[in-house]
Amino acid sequence: MHVRAGTQPDARVRLRDHGRPADTGDRGDLIVQFEVPVPAMLDTESERLLRRFARLRKEVAALTSSQPGAFDRVGDAFDSSD
């Protein structure tokens, strides 16, 4: 299975004819849901790199605003100070 770049958490993909076989011998569809684990705590270096990544993606506003961005999806483990 190929996962496309940009696939979001909780996205679902249907794989036709890859599910359980029915009594008739036909196969059903397999539904795959993507889950992304989010660390609750990061060390100082990991937090620094994540903040840098957010800046590179022009998501600096996401560090302090209510607009969601990639940084927000990592979790609320950080405050807004650098």
N, C-alpha and C. Protein backbone atom coordinates (compact mmCIF):
# COMPACT_ATOMS: atom_id res chain seq x y z
N MET A 1 0.84 -1.17 0.00
CA MET A 1 0.00 0.00 0.00
C MET A 1 0.89 1.23 0.00
N HIS A 2 0.57 2.20 -0.83
CA HIS A 2 1.32 3.45 -0.91
C HIS A 2 0.55 4.52 -0.14
N VAL A 3 1.23 5.20 0.78
CA VAL A 3 0.62 6.30 1.53
C VAL A 3 1.11 7.59 0.91
N ARG A 4 0.19 8.40 0.42
CA ARG A 4 0.55 9.65 -0.24
C ARG A 4 1.04 10.69 0.76
N ALA A 5 1.98 11.51 0.32
CA ALA A 5 2.45 12.63 1.14
C ALA A 5 1.27 13.53 1.46
N GLY A 6 1.22 14.00 2.67
CA GLY A 6 0.13 14.89 3.08
C GLY A 6 -1.07 14.17 3.65
N THR A 7 -1.01 12.84 3.74
CA THR A 7 -2.12 12.10 4.32
C THR A 7 -2.30 12.55 5.77
N GLN A 8 -3.51 12.93 6.13
CA GLN A 8 -3.79 13.49 7.45
C GLN A 8 -4.22 12.41 8.44
N PRO A 9 -4.00 12.69 9.74
CA PRO A 9 -4.49 11.74 10.76
C PRO A 9 -5.99 11.53 10.61
N ASP A 10 -6.43 10.34 10.87
CA ASP A 10 -7.82 9.91 10.78
C ASP A 10 -8.34 9.80 9.35
N ALA A 11 -7.48 10.00 8.35
CA ALA A 11 -7.90 9.80 6.96
C ALA A 11 -8.19 8.32 6.75
N ARG A 12 -9.10 8.04 5.86
CA ARG A 12 -9.46 6.65 5.55
C ARG A 12 -9.27 6.38 4.07
N VAL A 13 -8.79 5.18 3.78
CA VAL A 13 -8.58 4.74 2.41
C VAL A 13 -9.29 3.40 2.23
N ARG A 14 -10.00 3.26 1.13
CA ARG A 14 -10.69 2.00 0.83
C ARG A 14 -9.84 1.20 -0.16
N LEU A 15 -9.53 -0.02 0.23
CA LEU A 15 -8.81 -0.93 -0.67
C LEU A 15 -9.83 -1.96 -1.16
N ARG A 16 -10.30 -1.73 -2.37
CA ARG A 16 -11.35 -2.59 -2.93
C ARG A 16 -10.84 -4.03 -3.12
N ASP A 17 -11.70 -4.96 -2.73
CA ASP A 17 -11.43 -6.40 -2.89
C ASP A 17 -10.23 -6.89 -2.07
N HIS A 18 -9.89 -6.21 -0.99
CA HIS A 18 -8.81 -6.65 -0.11
C HIS A 18 -9.30 -6.98 1.30
N GLY A 19 -10.60 -7.00 1.49
CA GLY A 19 -11.18 -7.29 2.79
C GLY A 19 -11.42 -8.78 2.99
N ARG A 20 -12.25 -9.11 3.96
CA ARG A 20 -12.57 -10.51 4.26
C ARG A 20 -13.34 -11.15 3.12
N PRO A 21 -13.06 -12.41 2.89
CA PRO A 21 -13.84 -13.12 1.87
C PRO A 21 -15.27 -13.37 2.37
N ALA A 22 -16.22 -13.21 1.49
CA ALA A 22 -17.63 -13.51 1.81
C ALA A 22 -17.89 -14.98 1.53
N ASP A 23 -19.06 -15.46 1.91
CA ASP A 23 -19.44 -16.86 1.66
C ASP A 23 -19.43 -17.17 0.17
N THR A 24 -19.62 -16.15 -0.65
CA THR A 24 -19.66 -16.36 -2.10
C THR A 24 -18.26 -16.48 -2.70
N GLY A 25 -17.24 -16.20 -1.88
CA GLY A 25 -15.87 -16.24 -2.39
C GLY A 25 -15.35 -14.87 -2.78
N ASP A 26 -16.27 -13.92 -2.96
CA ASP A 26 -15.84 -12.55 -3.26
C ASP A 26 -15.24 -11.92 -2.01
N ARG A 27 -14.33 -11.01 -2.23
CA ARG A 27 -13.73 -10.30 -1.11
C ARG A 27 -14.38 -8.93 -0.95
N GLY A 28 -14.52 -8.52 0.30
CA GLY A 28 -15.05 -7.20 0.58
C GLY A 28 -13.95 -6.15 0.48
N ASP A 29 -14.28 -4.94 0.88
CA ASP A 29 -13.31 -3.86 0.87
C ASP A 29 -12.64 -3.76 2.24
N LEU A 30 -11.39 -3.40 2.23
CA LEU A 30 -10.65 -3.16 3.46
C LEU A 30 -10.55 -1.65 3.64
N ILE A 31 -10.96 -1.17 4.81
CA ILE A 31 -10.87 0.26 5.12
C ILE A 31 -9.68 0.45 6.06
N VAL A 32 -8.76 1.31 5.65
CA VAL A 32 -7.57 1.60 6.46
C VAL A 32 -7.72 3.02 6.99
N GLN A 33 -7.58 3.18 8.31
CA GLN A 33 -7.62 4.50 8.94
C GLN A 33 -6.24 4.80 9.49
N PHE A 34 -5.72 5.99 9.19
CA PHE A 34 -4.38 6.36 9.62
C PHE A 34 -4.43 7.01 10.98
N GLU A 35 -3.61 6.51 11.89
CA GLU A 35 -3.46 7.09 13.22
C GLU A 35 -2.04 7.56 13.37
N VAL A 36 -1.87 8.75 13.91
CA VAL A 36 -0.55 9.33 14.09
C VAL A 36 -0.31 9.52 15.59
N PRO A 37 0.64 8.77 16.15
CA PRO A 37 0.92 8.96 17.58
C PRO A 37 1.61 10.31 17.80
N VAL A 38 1.19 10.99 18.85
CA VAL A 38 1.74 12.30 19.17
C VAL A 38 2.42 12.19 20.53
N PRO A 39 3.72 12.50 20.60
CA PRO A 39 4.41 12.41 21.88
C PRO A 39 3.89 13.45 22.87
N ALA A 40 3.73 13.05 24.11
CA ALA A 40 3.25 13.97 25.14
C ALA A 40 4.37 14.89 25.63
N MET A 41 5.58 14.41 25.62
CA MET A 41 6.72 15.19 26.11
C MET A 41 7.85 15.09 25.09
N LEU A 42 8.51 16.21 24.84
CA LEU A 42 9.67 16.23 23.96
C LEU A 42 10.85 16.82 24.72
N ASP A 43 12.05 16.33 24.39
CA ASP A 43 13.23 16.94 24.99
C ASP A 43 13.47 18.30 24.34
N THR A 44 14.38 19.07 24.89
CA THR A 44 14.64 20.44 24.43
C THR A 44 15.02 20.49 22.96
N GLU A 45 15.89 19.60 22.52
CA GLU A 45 16.34 19.59 21.13
C GLU A 45 15.19 19.26 20.19
N SER A 46 14.35 18.30 20.54
CA SER A 46 13.21 17.94 19.69
C SER A 46 12.24 19.11 19.57
N GLU A 47 11.99 19.80 20.67
CA GLU A 47 11.10 20.96 20.63
C GLU A 47 11.69 22.06 19.75
N ARG A 48 12.99 22.32 19.87
CA ARG A 48 13.66 23.34 19.06
C ARG A 48 13.51 23.00 17.58
N LEU A 49 13.75 21.74 17.22
CA LEU A 49 13.65 21.33 15.82
C LEU A 49 12.21 21.44 15.31
N LEU A 50 11.25 21.09 16.14
CA LEU A 50 9.85 21.18 15.74
C LEU A 50 9.45 22.63 15.52
N ARG A 51 9.90 23.53 16.37
CA ARG A 51 9.61 24.95 16.19
C ARG A 51 10.26 25.47 14.90
N ARG A 52 11.47 25.01 14.62
CA ARG A 52 12.15 25.42 13.39
C ARG A 52 11.37 24.93 12.16
N PHE A 53 10.92 23.70 12.23
CA PHE A 53 10.12 23.12 11.15
C PHE A 53 8.86 23.97 10.91
N ALA A 54 8.18 24.36 11.99
CA ALA A 54 6.98 25.19 11.87
C ALA A 54 7.31 26.52 11.20
N ARG A 55 8.44 27.11 11.57
CA ARG A 55 8.84 28.38 10.95
C ARG A 55 9.12 28.20 9.46
N LEU A 56 9.82 27.13 9.11
CA LEU A 56 10.13 26.87 7.70
C LEU A 56 8.87 26.69 6.87
N ARG A 57 7.84 26.16 7.48
CA ARG A 57 6.56 25.97 6.79
C ARG A 57 5.69 27.20 6.87
N LYS A 58 6.26 28.28 7.38
CA LYS A 58 5.52 29.55 7.51
C LYS A 58 4.33 29.39 8.45
N GLU A 59 4.50 28.58 9.47
CA GLU A 59 3.43 28.36 10.44
C GLU A 59 3.77 29.00 11.77
N VAL A 60 4.57 30.06 11.73
CA VAL A 60 4.94 30.75 12.96
C VAL A 60 3.71 31.23 13.69
N ALA A 61 2.70 31.72 12.94
CA ALA A 61 1.47 32.18 13.57
C ALA A 61 0.80 31.07 14.36
N ALA A 62 0.98 29.84 13.93
CA ALA A 62 0.36 28.71 14.63
C ALA A 62 0.95 28.51 16.01
N LEU A 63 2.14 29.06 16.25
CA LEU A 63 2.75 28.91 17.57
C LEU A 63 2.01 29.71 18.62
N THR A 64 1.37 30.81 18.23
CA THR A 64 0.72 31.68 19.21
C THR A 64 -0.75 31.97 18.90
N SER A 65 -1.24 31.62 17.72
CA SER A 65 -2.61 31.96 17.37
C SER A 65 -3.52 30.75 17.54
N SER A 66 -4.81 30.98 17.31
CA SER A 66 -5.76 29.88 17.39
C SER A 66 -5.89 29.15 16.06
N GLN A 67 -5.18 29.61 15.01
CA GLN A 67 -5.22 28.94 13.72
C GLN A 67 -4.44 27.63 13.80
N PRO A 68 -5.04 26.50 13.45
CA PRO A 68 -4.32 25.23 13.52
C PRO A 68 -3.26 25.12 12.43
N GLY A 69 -2.14 24.51 12.78
CA GLY A 69 -1.07 24.24 11.83
C GLY A 69 -0.40 22.93 12.23
N ALA A 70 0.66 22.58 11.54
CA ALA A 70 1.35 21.32 11.84
C ALA A 70 1.83 21.30 13.29
N PHE A 71 2.27 22.45 13.78
CA PHE A 71 2.76 22.51 15.16
C PHE A 71 1.64 22.16 16.13
N ASP A 72 0.45 22.65 15.87
CA ASP A 72 -0.69 22.36 16.75
C ASP A 72 -1.02 20.88 16.76
N ARG A 73 -0.85 20.21 15.64
CA ARG A 73 -1.20 18.80 15.57
C ARG A 73 -0.26 17.94 16.38
N VAL A 74 0.90 18.46 16.75
CA VAL A 74 1.82 17.70 17.58
C VAL A 74 1.31 17.62 19.00
N GLY A 75 0.54 18.60 19.39
CA GLY A 75 -0.05 18.56 20.72
C GLY A 75 0.15 19.85 21.47
N ASP A 76 -0.38 19.90 22.66
CA ASP A 76 -0.31 21.09 23.49
C ASP A 76 0.79 20.97 24.53
N ALA A 77 1.85 20.25 24.22
CA ALA A 77 2.92 20.03 25.18
C ALA A 77 3.85 21.22 25.31
N PHE A 78 3.66 22.26 24.49
CA PHE A 78 4.59 23.38 24.47
C PHE A 78 3.88 24.66 24.83
N ASP A 79 4.63 25.61 25.37
CA ASP A 79 4.07 26.95 25.53
C ASP A 79 4.49 27.78 24.32
N SER A 80 4.10 29.04 24.24
CA SER A 80 4.37 29.83 23.04
C SER A 80 5.70 30.58 23.10
N SER A 81 6.50 30.36 24.12
CA SER A 81 7.79 31.04 24.19
C SER A 81 8.88 30.19 23.55
N ASP A 82 9.93 30.87 23.03
CA ASP A 82 11.06 30.15 22.41
C ASP A 82 12.17 29.96 23.39
